[in-house]
């Protein structure tokens, strides 16, 4: 280490790698994780519980909570190599895979990670536009009556969301967006509480708990099996955040060691997440029984109480504004690092310019990352406009990424880092754990692909979407 870096580290303004002092805390890590994990998908868990029944639903939620904590704990120790406390930092998921598993598997992990992050950004754009349209429709029906014609296309809301994200992309990196995650986490609690409250109120109004031990019946065994795998997929892919974990861990201050703080943050976040998942899933199923819809909020009547459903949809919108940024930051950071390495002497890449706007504090902007991030937002917005049913494809992408990113790579890196020998007890247990998760992923992918293939034509899906 050179003298300059030694003086900087000694001064307390820089960390041991010469970068600016990290200031992330347990609280900010929990906020980041909850923003990434508790998405609008929580509203589909009641449907998943309805397919699995009163025994399978809660058990599946608890099992996947345990699976997520195990995989996240394995990955936390991969932030530093070779020692998880004093070793060299891995700033991203791909860095950890490259150090532990080599370049070939790094390419695979990178493709899967960025595909998942980009696909999620497109899906969030579509979901936000749907929530905006739902607010317009509910107010229209409230004013004009339930028989009125209230159709709103999603094109304008998609463009508006893209404009908001263009401005939000001015946030330099994930280190600077703790406040965004805090706001987004509060919004996720808001619409989760509304869904929970509507479920409890409906159970009280019904005077009984609906549902059965085995869940919604199907016409045959094959049909039931498909529904069970889809429900397991909805639950399984609502938990993992492995493709963001090391990026979040890289924001944490030290001491205490980053892996210790991250494991605590994971435990707290998964506990909170599981509580909300159980409440929304179980009370939604108890109130609606076999008629539970894909989106819990629509099950209580699209019309009334219109203001409460509007509030929930508004909370979904604000939450997804933050989630979009959390999921996009790893891609932004990778692009920034690549440009810096490729063009180290370019002023376009390295020079920052101060911008002063009326009523706003001055801020620094770099033309390179401004152009890339703007182009990125335009591409996700354009794809959402062209393929508004893309969220169905994202379901397949999510299934495809669950096992390799959340299970396989963390387990394999743990074997390398801890030098776990083949056919030892720990090796057998973790291999079995990985194989079971692989079976869930395979079944869910098969179901999603078959379901997507069996749908009507592309044009019909678009018309159905815009009429929803």
Protein backbone atom coordinates (compact mmCIF):
# COMPACT_ATOMS: atom_id res chain seq x y z
CA UNK A 1 0.00 0.00 0.00
CA UNK A 2 1.44 3.40 -0.93
CA UNK A 3 2.02 6.28 1.46
CA UNK A 4 -0.91 8.31 0.14
CA UNK A 5 -3.41 5.51 0.79
CA UNK A 6 -1.91 4.87 4.23
CA UNK A 7 -2.37 8.51 5.19
CA UNK A 8 -5.93 8.51 3.84
CA UNK A 9 -6.87 5.36 5.76
CA UNK A 10 -5.24 6.69 8.91
CA UNK A 11 -7.23 9.90 8.60
CA UNK A 12 -10.48 7.96 8.93
CA UNK A 13 -11.96 9.36 5.70
CA UNK A 14 -11.19 6.21 3.72
CA UNK A 15 -11.58 2.45 4.16
CA UNK A 16 -8.87 -0.21 3.93
CA UNK A 17 -9.26 -0.40 0.14
CA UNK A 18 -8.65 3.32 -0.35
CA UNK A 19 -12.30 4.12 -1.14
CA UNK A 20 -14.40 6.70 0.66
CA UNK A 21 -15.48 5.61 4.12
CA UNK A 22 -18.59 3.42 4.00
CA UNK A 23 -21.34 4.63 6.32
CA UNK A 24 -24.05 1.97 5.90
CA UNK A 25 -25.60 0.57 9.07
CA UNK A 26 -27.76 -2.34 10.12
CA UNK A 27 -30.82 -0.12 9.65
CA UNK A 28 -29.93 0.95 6.11
CA UNK A 29 -29.13 -2.67 5.12
CA UNK A 30 -32.52 -3.83 6.41
CA UNK A 31 -34.21 -1.05 4.41
CA UNK A 32 -32.36 -2.05 1.22
CA UNK A 33 -33.25 -5.73 1.66
CA UNK A 34 -36.93 -5.08 2.40
CA UNK A 35 -37.14 -2.78 -0.62
CA UNK A 36 -35.72 -5.55 -2.79
CA UNK A 37 -37.66 -8.45 -1.25
CA UNK A 38 -41.14 -7.20 -0.31
CA UNK A 39 -42.38 -6.27 -3.75
CA UNK A 40 -45.86 -6.07 -5.13
CA UNK A 41 -45.64 -9.86 -5.41
CA UNK A 42 -46.71 -10.04 -1.77
CA UNK A 43 -50.24 -9.45 -3.04
CA UNK A 44 -50.15 -12.78 -4.94
CA UNK A 45 -49.24 -14.89 -1.91
CA UNK A 46 -52.87 -15.37 -0.90
CA UNK A 47 -53.44 -17.05 -4.27
CA UNK A 48 -50.40 -19.26 -3.64
CA UNK A 49 -51.73 -20.21 -0.22
CA UNK A 50 -55.09 -21.05 -1.80
CA UNK A 51 -53.41 -23.59 -4.08
CA UNK A 52 -51.42 -25.21 -1.26
CA UNK A 53 -54.05 -25.14 1.50
CA UNK A 54 -53.85 -24.45 5.20
CA UNK A 55 -51.04 -26.94 5.76
CA UNK A 56 -48.91 -26.53 2.65
CA UNK A 57 -49.17 -22.73 2.40
CA UNK A 58 -47.71 -21.68 5.77
CA UNK A 59 -45.18 -24.54 5.70
CA UNK A 60 -43.94 -23.47 2.26
CA UNK A 61 -43.57 -19.85 3.39
CA UNK A 62 -41.53 -20.90 6.44
CA UNK A 63 -39.40 -23.33 4.44
CA UNK A 64 -38.44 -20.74 1.85
CA UNK A 65 -37.67 -18.23 4.60
CA UNK A 66 -35.20 -20.75 6.04
CA UNK A 67 -33.77 -21.48 2.57
CA UNK A 68 -33.25 -17.76 1.93
CA UNK A 69 -31.51 -17.21 5.26
CA UNK A 70 -29.17 -20.16 4.68
CA UNK A 71 -28.20 -19.01 1.19
CA UNK A 72 -27.75 -15.39 2.30
CA UNK A 73 -25.56 -16.46 5.23
CA UNK A 74 -23.33 -18.45 2.90
CA UNK A 75 -23.05 -15.48 0.56
CA UNK A 76 -22.30 -12.96 3.34
CA UNK A 77 -18.99 -14.71 4.02
CA UNK A 78 -18.00 -14.32 0.36
CA UNK A 79 -17.72 -10.54 0.59
CA UNK A 80 -14.07 -10.88 1.62
CA UNK A 81 -11.52 -13.48 0.47
CA UNK A 82 -9.85 -15.56 1.70
CA UNK A 83 -10.79 -14.54 5.23
CA UNK A 84 -14.43 -13.33 5.65
CA UNK A 85 -13.34 -10.61 8.12
CA UNK A 86 -9.95 -9.32 6.97
CA UNK A 87 -9.67 -10.52 3.37
CA UNK A 88 -9.85 -8.53 0.13
CA UNK A 89 -13.27 -7.09 -0.68
CA UNK A 90 -15.52 -8.38 -3.46
CA UNK A 91 -17.61 -5.39 -4.45
CA UNK A 92 -20.27 -7.32 -6.35
CA UNK A 93 -21.79 -10.75 -6.84
CA UNK A 94 -19.73 -11.25 -10.01
CA UNK A 95 -16.50 -10.35 -8.19
CA UNK A 96 -17.17 -13.06 -5.62
CA UNK A 97 -17.94 -15.67 -8.30
CA UNK A 98 -14.79 -14.75 -10.25
CA UNK A 99 -12.51 -15.01 -7.21
CA UNK A 100 -13.96 -18.31 -5.99
CA UNK A 101 -15.14 -20.13 -9.12
CA UNK A 102 -13.20 -18.71 -12.05
CA UNK A 103 -13.96 -16.67 -15.18
CA UNK A 104 -16.16 -19.18 -17.04
CA UNK A 105 -18.78 -19.37 -14.32
CA UNK A 106 -18.45 -15.61 -13.81
CA UNK A 107 -19.80 -15.04 -17.33
CA UNK A 108 -22.75 -17.32 -16.60
CA UNK A 109 -23.47 -15.65 -13.25
CA UNK A 110 -23.17 -12.18 -14.79
CA UNK A 111 -25.54 -12.96 -17.65
CA UNK A 112 -28.14 -14.40 -15.28
CA UNK A 113 -27.78 -11.58 -12.76
CA UNK A 114 -28.07 -8.74 -15.26
CA UNK A 115 -30.87 -10.48 -17.14
CA UNK A 116 -32.82 -10.77 -13.88
CA UNK A 117 -32.13 -7.16 -12.88
CA UNK A 118 -33.04 -5.78 -16.30
CA UNK A 119 -36.15 -7.96 -16.56
CA UNK A 120 -37.25 -6.84 -13.10
CA UNK A 121 -36.88 -3.19 -14.15
CA UNK A 122 -39.19 -3.80 -17.12
CA UNK A 123 -41.67 -5.69 -14.93
CA UNK A 124 -41.69 -2.87 -12.35
CA UNK A 125 -42.41 -0.37 -15.13
CA UNK A 126 -45.42 -2.43 -16.26
CA UNK A 127 -46.67 -3.07 -12.71
CA UNK A 128 -46.45 0.62 -11.81
CA UNK A 129 -48.39 1.59 -14.94
CA UNK A 130 -51.07 -0.97 -14.04
CA UNK A 131 -51.42 0.52 -10.56
CA UNK A 132 -51.70 4.03 -12.02
CA UNK A 133 -54.47 2.86 -14.37
CA UNK A 134 -56.21 1.08 -11.49
CA UNK A 135 -56.39 4.36 -9.54
CA UNK A 136 -57.90 6.17 -12.54
CA UNK A 137 -60.46 3.40 -13.08
CA UNK A 138 -61.55 3.16 -9.45
CA UNK A 139 -62.13 6.93 -9.28
CA UNK A 140 -64.00 6.82 -12.58
CA UNK A 141 -66.32 4.05 -11.35
CA UNK A 142 -66.86 5.89 -8.06
CA UNK A 143 -67.93 9.07 -9.84
CA UNK A 144 -69.86 7.63 -12.80
CA UNK A 145 -71.18 4.39 -11.39
CA UNK A 146 -70.13 0.77 -11.64
CA UNK A 147 -71.66 0.35 -15.12
CA UNK A 148 -69.65 3.20 -16.65
CA UNK A 149 -67.07 2.61 -19.37
CA UNK A 150 -63.76 3.39 -17.73
CA UNK A 151 -60.89 2.17 -19.89
CA UNK A 152 -57.41 3.63 -19.56
CA UNK A 153 -54.41 2.57 -21.59
CA UNK A 154 -51.10 2.03 -19.83
CA UNK A 155 -48.97 3.86 -22.40
CA UNK A 156 -49.02 7.28 -20.70
CA UNK A 157 -48.36 5.89 -17.17
CA UNK A 158 -45.40 3.90 -18.55
CA UNK A 159 -43.92 7.06 -20.08
CA UNK A 160 -44.49 9.03 -16.86
CA UNK A 161 -42.76 6.32 -14.83
CA UNK A 162 -39.84 6.43 -17.28
CA UNK A 163 -39.50 10.19 -16.79
CA UNK A 164 -39.46 9.78 -13.01
CA UNK A 165 -36.78 7.09 -13.27
CA UNK A 166 -34.67 9.30 -15.52
CA UNK A 167 -34.54 11.88 -12.74
CA UNK A 168 -34.01 9.23 -10.05
CA UNK A 169 -31.06 7.81 -11.99
CA UNK A 170 -29.12 10.97 -11.04
CA UNK A 171 -28.52 9.26 -7.66
CA UNK A 172 -24.81 8.34 -7.95
CA UNK A 173 -24.83 4.86 -6.40
CA UNK A 174 -26.49 2.57 -3.89
CA UNK A 175 -24.43 4.15 -1.09
CA UNK A 176 -26.38 7.40 -1.64
CA UNK A 177 -29.90 6.00 -1.73
CA UNK A 178 -30.55 4.79 1.80
CA UNK A 179 -33.39 7.34 2.07
CA UNK A 180 -34.98 5.94 -1.11
CA UNK A 181 -34.99 2.44 0.37
CA UNK A 182 -36.43 3.70 3.65
CA UNK A 183 -39.34 5.40 1.85
CA UNK A 184 -39.88 2.35 -0.37
CA UNK A 185 -39.85 0.02 2.64
CA UNK A 186 -42.47 2.17 4.38
CA UNK A 187 -44.64 2.00 1.25
CA UNK A 188 -44.31 -1.80 1.12
CA UNK A 189 -45.51 -1.98 4.72
CA UNK A 190 -48.38 0.36 3.83
CA UNK A 191 -49.94 -1.72 1.06
CA UNK A 192 -49.14 -4.95 2.94
CA UNK A 193 -51.03 -3.61 5.99
CA UNK A 194 -53.93 -2.57 3.77
CA UNK A 195 -54.11 -6.04 2.23
CA UNK A 196 -53.91 -7.57 5.70
CA UNK A 197 -56.55 -5.20 7.09
CA UNK A 198 -58.96 -5.94 4.26
CA UNK A 199 -58.44 -9.65 4.83
CA UNK A 200 -59.15 -9.42 8.56
CA UNK A 201 -62.21 -7.22 7.98
CA UNK A 202 -63.61 -9.64 5.41
CA UNK A 203 -63.08 -12.65 7.72
CA UNK A 204 -64.95 -10.82 10.48
CA UNK A 205 -67.73 -9.86 8.06
CA UNK A 206 -68.03 -13.43 6.79
CA UNK A 207 -68.11 -14.81 10.32
CA UNK A 208 -65.97 -17.80 9.34
CA UNK A 209 -62.60 -18.84 7.97
CA UNK A 210 -62.73 -20.05 4.38
CA UNK A 211 -60.41 -22.52 2.70
CA UNK A 212 -59.40 -26.15 3.22
CA UNK A 213 -56.39 -28.18 4.32
CA UNK A 214 -55.50 -29.21 0.77
CA UNK A 215 -56.28 -25.96 -1.03
CA UNK A 216 -58.27 -25.25 -4.15
CA UNK A 217 -59.35 -28.46 -5.94
CA UNK A 218 -58.38 -29.14 -9.55
CA UNK A 219 -60.07 -31.19 -12.27
CA UNK A 220 -57.25 -33.76 -12.26
CA UNK A 221 -53.96 -34.62 -10.58
CA UNK A 222 -51.86 -33.02 -13.31
CA UNK A 223 -53.77 -29.76 -13.04
CA UNK A 224 -53.30 -29.72 -9.28
CA UNK A 225 -49.60 -30.41 -9.67
CA UNK A 226 -49.17 -27.46 -12.03
CA UNK A 227 -50.97 -25.15 -9.59
CA UNK A 228 -48.84 -26.36 -6.69
CA UNK A 229 -45.61 -25.72 -8.61
CA UNK A 230 -46.77 -22.25 -9.63
CA UNK A 231 -47.64 -21.46 -6.02
CA UNK A 232 -44.22 -22.70 -4.87
CA UNK A 233 -42.65 -20.55 -7.58
CA UNK A 234 -44.53 -17.44 -6.44
CA UNK A 235 -43.34 -18.01 -2.88
CA UNK A 236 -39.78 -19.05 -3.73
CA UNK A 237 -39.07 -16.11 -6.01
CA UNK A 238 -40.60 -13.63 -3.57
CA UNK A 239 -37.76 -14.19 -1.09
CA UNK A 240 -34.23 -14.28 -2.57
CA UNK A 241 -32.12 -11.15 -2.96
CA UNK A 242 -28.76 -12.85 -3.52
CA UNK A 243 -28.07 -10.94 -6.74
CA UNK A 244 -28.08 -7.71 -4.68
CA UNK A 245 -26.71 -8.96 -1.35
CA UNK A 246 -23.00 -8.23 -1.85
CA UNK A 247 -23.75 -4.83 -3.39
CA UNK A 248 -25.75 -4.00 -0.25
CA UNK A 249 -23.04 -5.42 2.00
CA UNK A 250 -20.48 -3.19 0.29
CA UNK A 251 -22.29 -0.15 1.74
CA UNK A 252 -21.72 -1.20 5.36
CA UNK A 253 -19.29 0.47 7.74
CA UNK A 254 -16.71 -1.56 9.63
CA UNK A 255 -16.21 -2.40 12.47
CA UNK A 256 -18.13 -4.53 13.24
CA UNK A 257 -17.21 -6.93 10.41
CA UNK A 258 -19.49 -6.54 7.40
CA UNK A 259 -20.50 -10.20 7.31
CA UNK A 260 -21.76 -10.06 10.89
CA UNK A 261 -23.87 -6.95 10.24
CA UNK A 262 -25.21 -8.39 6.99
CA UNK A 263 -26.23 -11.68 8.63
CA UNK A 264 -28.13 -9.74 11.30
CA UNK A 265 -29.77 -7.57 8.64
CA UNK A 266 -30.76 -10.69 6.68
CA UNK A 267 -32.25 -12.34 9.76
CA UNK A 268 -34.26 -9.23 10.70
CA UNK A 269 -35.43 -8.62 7.12
CA UNK A 270 -36.46 -12.24 6.52
CA UNK A 271 -38.31 -12.33 9.84
CA UNK A 272 -40.24 -9.15 8.95
CA UNK A 273 -40.86 -10.36 5.41
CA UNK A 274 -42.12 -13.76 6.57
CA UNK A 275 -44.47 -12.14 9.07
CA UNK A 276 -46.07 -10.02 6.35
CA UNK A 277 -46.13 -12.91 3.90
CA UNK A 278 -47.88 -15.17 6.40
CA UNK A 279 -50.39 -12.48 7.38
CA UNK A 280 -51.27 -11.44 3.83
CA UNK A 281 -51.27 -14.99 2.47
CA UNK A 282 -53.24 -16.58 5.28
CA UNK A 283 -55.78 -13.82 5.95
CA UNK A 284 -56.31 -13.34 2.22
CA UNK A 285 -57.08 -17.04 1.82
CA UNK A 286 -59.21 -17.10 4.99
CA UNK A 287 -61.37 -14.26 3.67
CA UNK A 288 -61.74 -15.33 0.02
CA UNK A 289 -61.18 -19.09 0.02
CA UNK A 290 -60.95 -20.76 -3.38
CA UNK A 291 -62.00 -17.50 -5.07
CA UNK A 292 -58.73 -15.79 -4.06
CA UNK A 293 -57.41 -13.83 -7.10
CA UNK A 294 -53.85 -13.32 -8.30
CA UNK A 295 -53.82 -9.81 -6.79
CA UNK A 296 -55.16 -9.69 -3.25
CA UNK A 297 -56.41 -6.10 -3.54
CA UNK A 298 -58.79 -6.90 -6.38
CA UNK A 299 -60.49 -9.59 -4.32
CA UNK A 300 -62.28 -7.07 -2.12
CA UNK A 301 -64.18 -5.46 -4.99
CA UNK A 302 -62.64 -3.08 -7.50
CA UNK A 303 -65.08 -0.37 -6.53
CA UNK A 304 -65.26 -0.02 -2.77
CA UNK A 305 -63.65 1.07 -0.54
CA UNK A 306 -62.18 2.87 -3.50
CA UNK A 307 -60.08 5.31 -1.48
CA UNK A 308 -58.36 2.52 0.44
CA UNK A 309 -57.55 0.54 -2.70
CA UNK A 310 -56.31 3.80 -4.27
CA UNK A 311 -54.03 4.34 -1.29
CA UNK A 312 -52.66 0.82 -1.61
CA UNK A 313 -52.00 1.25 -5.33
CA UNK A 314 -50.31 4.61 -4.68
CA UNK A 315 -48.06 2.89 -2.12
CA UNK A 316 -47.23 0.21 -4.70
CA UNK A 317 -46.22 2.93 -7.16
CA UNK A 318 -43.91 4.75 -4.72
CA UNK A 319 -42.39 1.46 -3.59
CA UNK A 320 -41.62 0.36 -7.14
CA UNK A 321 -39.99 3.71 -7.91
CA UNK A 322 -37.45 2.86 -5.22
CA UNK A 323 -37.22 -0.83 -6.14
CA UNK A 324 -36.43 0.05 -9.76
CA UNK A 325 -33.42 2.05 -8.58
CA UNK A 326 -32.20 -0.64 -6.16
CA UNK A 327 -32.36 -3.25 -8.93
CA UNK A 328 -30.73 -0.95 -11.50
CA UNK A 329 -27.77 0.23 -9.41
CA UNK A 330 -25.65 -2.95 -9.92
CA UNK A 331 -25.98 -2.48 -13.69
CA UNK A 332 -25.13 1.22 -13.41
CA UNK A 333 -22.07 0.42 -11.27
CA UNK A 334 -20.85 -2.28 -13.66
CA UNK A 335 -21.15 0.14 -16.61
CA UNK A 336 -19.28 2.86 -14.68
CA UNK A 337 -16.43 0.47 -13.79
CA UNK A 338 -16.14 -0.79 -17.38
CA UNK A 339 -15.98 2.73 -18.82
CA UNK A 340 -13.36 3.78 -16.27
CA UNK A 341 -11.16 0.80 -17.15
CA UNK A 342 -11.66 1.16 -20.90
CA UNK A 343 -11.20 4.94 -21.11
CA UNK A 344 -9.16 5.98 -18.04
CA UNK A 345 -8.00 9.28 -19.56
CA UNK A 346 -11.30 10.40 -21.06
CA UNK A 347 -12.79 13.57 -19.64
CA UNK A 348 -16.24 12.40 -20.80
CA UNK A 349 -15.89 9.41 -18.47
CA UNK A 350 -14.01 10.85 -15.50
CA UNK A 351 -14.92 14.54 -15.32
CA UNK A 352 -17.83 15.73 -13.15
CA UNK A 353 -19.78 18.95 -13.69
CA UNK A 354 -21.63 20.92 -11.04
CA UNK A 355 -25.28 21.63 -11.82
CA UNK A 356 -27.38 24.25 -10.04
CA UNK A 357 -31.16 24.16 -10.48
CA UNK A 358 -33.76 26.54 -9.04
CA UNK A 359 -35.08 25.53 -5.60
CA UNK A 360 -32.71 22.53 -5.50
CA UNK A 361 -29.26 22.08 -3.95
CA UNK A 362 -26.36 21.87 -6.37
CA UNK A 363 -25.13 18.42 -7.40
CA UNK A 364 -22.40 16.81 -9.48
CA UNK A 365 -23.13 15.05 -12.77
CA UNK A 366 -20.97 12.89 -14.99
CA UNK A 367 -21.86 12.93 -18.68
CA UNK A 368 -20.92 9.29 -19.25
CA UNK A 369 -23.13 7.78 -16.59
CA UNK A 370 -25.86 10.31 -17.34
CA UNK A 371 -26.02 9.14 -20.97
CA UNK A 372 -25.87 5.44 -20.08
CA UNK A 373 -28.50 5.64 -17.35
CA UNK A 374 -30.83 7.70 -19.50
CA UNK A 375 -30.47 5.18 -22.32
CA UNK A 376 -31.09 2.34 -19.86
CA UNK A 377 -34.34 3.91 -18.61
CA UNK A 378 -35.45 4.61 -22.19
CA UNK A 379 -34.82 0.97 -23.13
CA UNK A 380 -36.85 -0.44 -20.22
CA UNK A 381 -39.64 2.05 -20.89
CA UNK A 382 -39.66 1.23 -24.60
CA UNK A 383 -39.73 -2.52 -23.95
CA UNK A 384 -42.62 -2.07 -21.52
CA UNK A 385 -44.53 -0.12 -24.19
CA UNK A 386 -43.86 -2.71 -26.90
CA UNK A 387 -44.47 -5.81 -24.78
CA UNK A 388 -46.84 -4.96 -21.91
CA UNK A 389 -47.30 -8.69 -21.20
CA UNK A 390 -43.53 -9.01 -20.61
CA UNK A 391 -44.12 -9.70 -16.90
CA UNK A 392 -45.20 -13.21 -17.89
CA UNK A 393 -41.76 -13.77 -19.41
CA UNK A 394 -40.13 -12.27 -16.32
CA UNK A 395 -41.81 -15.02 -14.30
CA UNK A 396 -39.82 -17.55 -16.32
CA UNK A 397 -36.65 -15.46 -15.90
CA UNK A 398 -37.22 -15.32 -12.15
CA UNK A 399 -37.59 -19.09 -11.99
CA UNK A 400 -34.49 -19.55 -14.13
CA UNK A 401 -32.44 -17.34 -11.79
CA UNK A 402 -33.66 -18.66 -8.43
CA UNK A 403 -31.61 -21.84 -8.22
CA UNK A 404 -28.31 -20.73 -9.82
CA UNK A 405 -28.04 -17.27 -8.23
CA UNK A 406 -29.62 -17.87 -4.83
CA UNK A 407 -28.54 -21.47 -4.24
CA UNK A 408 -25.97 -23.01 -6.60
CA UNK A 409 -23.33 -20.27 -6.73
CA UNK A 410 -23.44 -19.44 -2.98
CA UNK A 411 -23.10 -23.15 -2.10
CA UNK A 412 -20.23 -23.69 -4.56
CA UNK A 413 -18.39 -20.57 -3.32
CA UNK A 414 -18.83 -21.75 0.27
CA UNK A 415 -17.25 -25.11 -0.63
CA UNK A 416 -14.23 -23.35 -2.13
CA UNK A 417 -13.79 -20.75 0.59
CA UNK A 418 -14.18 -23.18 3.49
CA UNK A 419 -12.38 -26.02 1.66
CA UNK A 420 -15.26 -28.46 2.22
CA UNK A 421 -14.24 -31.95 1.10
CA UNK A 422 -16.45 -34.17 -1.08
CA UNK A 423 -18.77 -36.63 0.71
CA UNK A 424 -18.33 -35.01 4.09
CA UNK A 425 -21.49 -34.49 6.16
CA UNK A 426 -21.65 -30.76 5.36
CA UNK A 427 -21.02 -31.46 1.66
CA UNK A 428 -23.87 -34.00 1.49
CA UNK A 429 -26.31 -31.75 3.37
CA UNK A 430 -25.64 -28.71 1.17
CA UNK A 431 -25.72 -30.79 -2.04
CA UNK A 432 -29.11 -32.19 -1.02
CA UNK A 433 -30.30 -28.69 -0.17
CA UNK A 434 -29.20 -27.44 -3.60
CA UNK A 435 -30.81 -30.37 -5.43
CA UNK A 436 -34.21 -29.87 -3.77
CA UNK A 437 -34.20 -26.20 -4.74
CA UNK A 438 -33.25 -27.24 -8.28
CA UNK A 439 -36.35 -29.45 -8.45
CA UNK A 440 -38.59 -26.54 -7.40
CA UNK A 441 -37.02 -24.29 -10.05
CA UNK A 442 -37.37 -26.93 -12.76
CA UNK A 443 -41.04 -27.55 -11.96
CA UNK A 444 -41.84 -23.83 -11.86
CA UNK A 445 -40.06 -23.11 -15.16
CA UNK A 446 -41.90 -25.98 -16.84
CA UNK A 447 -45.25 -24.69 -15.61
CA UNK A 448 -44.57 -21.08 -16.61
CA UNK A 449 -43.40 -22.03 -20.10
CA UNK A 450 -46.38 -24.33 -20.70
CA UNK A 451 -48.81 -21.71 -19.36
CA UNK A 452 -47.31 -18.97 -21.54
CA UNK A 453 -47.38 -21.23 -24.60
CA UNK A 454 -51.01 -22.19 -23.99
CA UNK A 455 -52.16 -18.56 -23.74
CA UNK A 456 -53.97 -16.86 -26.62
CA UNK A 457 -52.18 -14.95 -29.33
CA UNK A 458 -49.86 -12.06 -28.56
CA UNK A 459 -52.40 -9.53 -29.78
CA UNK A 460 -55.12 -11.01 -27.60
CA UNK A 461 -52.83 -10.89 -24.54
CA UNK A 462 -52.11 -7.22 -25.19
CA UNK A 463 -55.84 -6.43 -25.53
CA UNK A 464 -56.61 -8.34 -22.33
CA UNK A 465 -53.83 -6.47 -20.54
CA UNK A 466 -55.02 -3.03 -21.62
CA UNK A 467 -58.60 -3.85 -20.66
CA UNK A 468 -57.53 -5.06 -17.19
